[in-house]
Amino acid sequence: MPTPQDIKGWIEGNLPGAEAEVSGDGRHFEATVVCAGFAGKSRVQQQQMVYGALGDKMKAEIHALSMRTLTPEPTAADESH
């Protein structure tokens, strides 16, 4: 049975530049995923990217995953350039 930490590692390991926060009980999980690669993509496309990062684990190991996808907030350093 996967843990929230497993899912966090799978997302961050397979979705370049992503940062994930995951909670759950082993069957149902909630994730917040922040990734610059989401910029300019629809919410559905962003979620498809996360599902792609999880691959076959969504079919076999993860019963349910709800997610929130976000792009990183610009920092003061980013705004000064």
N, C-alpha and C. Protein backbone atom coordinates (compact mmCIF):
# COMPACT_ATOMS: atom_id res chain seq x y z
N MET A 1 0.85 -1.19 0.00
CA MET A 1 0.00 0.00 0.00
C MET A 1 0.89 1.25 0.00
N PRO A 2 0.69 2.14 -0.96
CA PRO A 2 1.55 3.33 -1.04
C PRO A 2 1.28 4.31 0.09
N THR A 3 2.31 5.06 0.43
CA THR A 3 2.20 6.11 1.44
C THR A 3 2.16 7.47 0.72
N PRO A 4 1.73 8.52 1.42
CA PRO A 4 1.80 9.84 0.82
C PRO A 4 3.23 10.18 0.37
N GLN A 5 4.22 9.75 1.14
CA GLN A 5 5.62 10.02 0.78
C GLN A 5 6.00 9.31 -0.53
N ASP A 6 5.47 8.09 -0.73
CA ASP A 6 5.72 7.38 -1.98
C ASP A 6 5.20 8.19 -3.16
N ILE A 7 3.96 8.66 -3.05
CA ILE A 7 3.33 9.39 -4.14
C ILE A 7 4.07 10.70 -4.40
N LYS A 8 4.47 11.39 -3.34
CA LYS A 8 5.27 12.61 -3.48
C LYS A 8 6.53 12.31 -4.27
N GLY A 9 7.22 11.23 -3.93
CA GLY A 9 8.46 10.86 -4.62
C GLY A 9 8.22 10.51 -6.08
N TRP A 10 7.14 9.80 -6.37
CA TRP A 10 6.82 9.42 -7.75
C TRP A 10 6.54 10.67 -8.59
N ILE A 11 5.76 11.59 -8.03
CA ILE A 11 5.44 12.81 -8.78
C ILE A 11 6.71 13.64 -9.01
N GLU A 12 7.45 13.91 -7.93
CA GLU A 12 8.63 14.76 -8.04
C GLU A 12 9.73 14.10 -8.87
N GLY A 13 9.80 12.77 -8.85
CA GLY A 13 10.83 12.07 -9.61
C GLY A 13 10.53 11.96 -11.09
N ASN A 14 9.25 12.09 -11.47
CA ASN A 14 8.86 11.90 -12.87
C ASN A 14 8.29 13.13 -13.54
N LEU A 15 8.14 14.22 -12.79
CA LEU A 15 7.62 15.46 -13.35
C LEU A 15 8.67 16.54 -13.04
N PRO A 16 9.55 16.83 -14.01
CA PRO A 16 10.67 17.74 -13.76
C PRO A 16 10.25 19.07 -13.17
N GLY A 17 10.92 19.46 -12.09
CA GLY A 17 10.67 20.74 -11.45
C GLY A 17 9.46 20.78 -10.54
N ALA A 18 8.76 19.66 -10.38
CA ALA A 18 7.55 19.66 -9.55
C ALA A 18 7.88 19.56 -8.07
N GLU A 19 7.05 20.19 -7.28
CA GLU A 19 7.07 20.05 -5.83
C GLU A 19 5.67 19.63 -5.41
N ALA A 20 5.59 18.55 -4.63
CA ALA A 20 4.28 18.01 -4.26
C ALA A 20 4.14 17.91 -2.75
N GLU A 21 2.93 18.16 -2.29
CA GLU A 21 2.53 17.89 -0.91
C GLU A 21 1.39 16.89 -1.01
N VAL A 22 1.54 15.76 -0.33
CA VAL A 22 0.54 14.69 -0.44
C VAL A 22 0.12 14.24 0.94
N SER A 23 -1.18 14.04 1.11
CA SER A 23 -1.71 13.45 2.35
C SER A 23 -2.68 12.35 1.96
N GLY A 24 -2.94 11.46 2.88
CA GLY A 24 -3.89 10.40 2.58
C GLY A 24 -3.79 9.24 3.54
N ASP A 25 -4.69 8.27 3.34
CA ASP A 25 -4.81 7.16 4.27
C ASP A 25 -4.37 5.82 3.70
N GLY A 26 -3.70 5.84 2.54
CA GLY A 26 -3.28 4.59 1.93
C GLY A 26 -4.15 4.17 0.77
N ARG A 27 -5.37 4.67 0.72
CA ARG A 27 -6.28 4.37 -0.40
C ARG A 27 -6.72 5.65 -1.11
N HIS A 28 -7.02 6.67 -0.34
CA HIS A 28 -7.47 7.95 -0.88
C HIS A 28 -6.43 9.01 -0.55
N PHE A 29 -6.03 9.76 -1.56
CA PHE A 29 -4.97 10.74 -1.37
C PHE A 29 -5.39 12.10 -1.91
N GLU A 30 -4.77 13.14 -1.34
CA GLU A 30 -4.94 14.51 -1.82
C GLU A 30 -3.55 15.06 -2.07
N ALA A 31 -3.37 15.71 -3.21
CA ALA A 31 -2.07 16.25 -3.57
C ALA A 31 -2.20 17.69 -4.03
N THR A 32 -1.23 18.50 -3.64
CA THR A 32 -1.05 19.83 -4.21
C THR A 32 0.29 19.77 -4.93
N VAL A 33 0.25 20.05 -6.22
CA VAL A 33 1.46 19.95 -7.04
C VAL A 33 1.75 21.31 -7.65
N VAL A 34 2.95 21.82 -7.41
CA VAL A 34 3.39 23.09 -7.97
C VAL A 34 4.48 22.78 -9.00
N CYS A 35 4.29 23.28 -10.22
CA CYS A 35 5.26 23.00 -11.28
C CYS A 35 5.24 24.12 -12.31
N ALA A 36 6.41 24.67 -12.63
CA ALA A 36 6.50 25.71 -13.65
C ALA A 36 6.03 25.18 -15.00
N GLY A 37 6.16 23.89 -15.23
CA GLY A 37 5.73 23.28 -16.49
C GLY A 37 4.23 23.35 -16.73
N PHE A 38 3.46 23.70 -15.70
CA PHE A 38 2.01 23.84 -15.84
C PHE A 38 1.62 25.15 -16.52
N ALA A 39 2.54 26.10 -16.58
CA ALA A 39 2.23 27.43 -17.14
C ALA A 39 1.68 27.30 -18.55
N GLY A 40 0.57 27.98 -18.80
CA GLY A 40 -0.03 28.00 -20.12
C GLY A 40 -0.86 26.78 -20.46
N LYS A 41 -0.97 25.84 -19.54
CA LYS A 41 -1.74 24.62 -19.77
C LYS A 41 -3.07 24.70 -19.04
N SER A 42 -4.07 24.02 -19.57
CA SER A 42 -5.37 23.98 -18.90
C SER A 42 -5.27 23.11 -17.65
N ARG A 43 -6.24 23.22 -16.78
CA ARG A 43 -6.27 22.41 -15.56
C ARG A 43 -6.26 20.92 -15.92
N VAL A 44 -7.00 20.54 -16.95
CA VAL A 44 -7.04 19.14 -17.37
C VAL A 44 -5.66 18.69 -17.85
N GLN A 45 -4.98 19.53 -18.64
CA GLN A 45 -3.64 19.18 -19.11
C GLN A 45 -2.67 19.05 -17.94
N GLN A 46 -2.80 19.91 -16.95
CA GLN A 46 -1.93 19.85 -15.78
C GLN A 46 -2.15 18.53 -15.04
N GLN A 47 -3.41 18.16 -14.86
CA GLN A 47 -3.71 16.91 -14.16
C GLN A 47 -3.23 15.71 -14.96
N GLN A 48 -3.33 15.78 -16.29
CA GLN A 48 -2.83 14.70 -17.13
C GLN A 48 -1.31 14.55 -16.96
N MET A 49 -0.61 15.65 -16.77
CA MET A 49 0.84 15.59 -16.54
C MET A 49 1.14 14.85 -15.24
N VAL A 50 0.35 15.12 -14.20
CA VAL A 50 0.56 14.44 -12.92
C VAL A 50 0.23 12.95 -13.07
N TYR A 51 -0.89 12.63 -13.71
CA TYR A 51 -1.24 11.23 -13.94
C TYR A 51 -0.15 10.53 -14.75
N GLY A 52 0.42 11.23 -15.72
CA GLY A 52 1.50 10.66 -16.52
C GLY A 52 2.72 10.36 -15.66
N ALA A 53 3.01 11.24 -14.70
CA ALA A 53 4.14 11.03 -13.80
C ALA A 53 3.92 9.79 -12.92
N LEU A 54 2.67 9.51 -12.60
CA LEU A 54 2.36 8.35 -11.75
C LEU A 54 2.24 7.07 -12.56
N GLY A 55 1.98 7.20 -13.86
CA GLY A 55 1.93 6.04 -14.74
C GLY A 55 0.96 4.96 -14.28
N ASP A 56 1.40 3.72 -14.37
CA ASP A 56 0.55 2.57 -14.04
C ASP A 56 0.17 2.50 -12.56
N LYS A 57 0.84 3.27 -11.73
CA LYS A 57 0.51 3.26 -10.30
C LYS A 57 -0.93 3.73 -10.06
N MET A 58 -1.45 4.57 -10.98
CA MET A 58 -2.84 5.02 -10.85
C MET A 58 -3.81 3.88 -11.09
N LYS A 59 -3.42 2.89 -11.88
CA LYS A 59 -4.30 1.76 -12.18
C LYS A 59 -4.26 0.72 -11.07
N ALA A 60 -3.09 0.52 -10.48
CA ALA A 60 -2.93 -0.61 -9.57
C ALA A 60 -2.83 -0.22 -8.10
N GLU A 61 -2.02 0.78 -7.78
CA GLU A 61 -1.68 1.04 -6.38
C GLU A 61 -2.45 2.18 -5.73
N ILE A 62 -2.89 3.13 -6.52
CA ILE A 62 -3.56 4.32 -5.96
C ILE A 62 -5.05 4.22 -6.28
N HIS A 63 -5.85 4.11 -5.24
CA HIS A 63 -7.29 3.95 -5.43
C HIS A 63 -7.94 5.26 -5.87
N ALA A 64 -7.60 6.35 -5.21
CA ALA A 64 -8.21 7.65 -5.54
C ALA A 64 -7.23 8.77 -5.22
N LEU A 65 -7.15 9.74 -6.12
CA LEU A 65 -6.27 10.88 -5.93
C LEU A 65 -7.01 12.14 -6.37
N SER A 66 -7.17 13.06 -5.44
CA SER A 66 -7.68 14.37 -5.82
C SER A 66 -6.49 15.31 -5.78
N MET A 67 -6.47 16.25 -6.70
CA MET A 67 -5.29 17.11 -6.75
C MET A 67 -5.63 18.54 -7.06
N ARG A 68 -4.72 19.39 -6.63
CA ARG A 68 -4.74 20.81 -6.92
C ARG A 68 -3.43 21.09 -7.62
N THR A 69 -3.47 21.69 -8.79
CA THR A 69 -2.25 21.99 -9.54
C THR A 69 -2.07 23.49 -9.62
N LEU A 70 -0.82 23.92 -9.41
CA LEU A 70 -0.50 25.35 -9.38
C LEU A 70 0.82 25.60 -10.08
N THR A 71 1.00 26.83 -10.56
CA THR A 71 2.31 27.25 -11.05
C THR A 71 2.98 28.01 -9.90
N PRO A 72 4.31 28.05 -9.88
CA PRO A 72 4.99 28.76 -8.79
C PRO A 72 4.66 30.25 -8.79
N GLU A 73 4.60 30.82 -7.60
CA GLU A 73 4.41 32.26 -7.47
C GLU A 73 5.73 32.95 -7.80
N PRO A 74 5.69 34.04 -8.55
CA PRO A 74 6.95 34.76 -8.80
C PRO A 74 7.51 35.30 -7.50
N THR A 75 8.80 35.25 -7.36
CA THR A 75 9.45 35.79 -6.16
C THR A 75 9.92 37.20 -6.47
N ALA A 76 10.30 37.90 -5.42
CA ALA A 76 10.82 39.27 -5.61
C ALA A 76 12.04 39.26 -6.52
N ALA A 77 12.88 38.23 -6.42
CA ALA A 77 14.06 38.13 -7.28
C ALA A 77 13.65 37.98 -8.75
N ASP A 78 12.58 37.18 -9.01
CA ASP A 78 12.12 36.99 -10.37
C ASP A 78 11.59 38.30 -10.96
N GLU A 79 10.94 39.10 -10.14
CA GLU A 79 10.32 40.33 -10.62
C GLU A 79 11.33 41.43 -10.89
N SER A 80 12.54 41.32 -10.34
CA SER A 80 13.53 42.38 -10.51
C SER A 80 14.29 42.24 -11.82
N HIS A 81 14.11 41.16 -12.54
CA HIS A 81 14.86 40.94 -13.79
C HIS A 81 14.10 41.51 -14.96
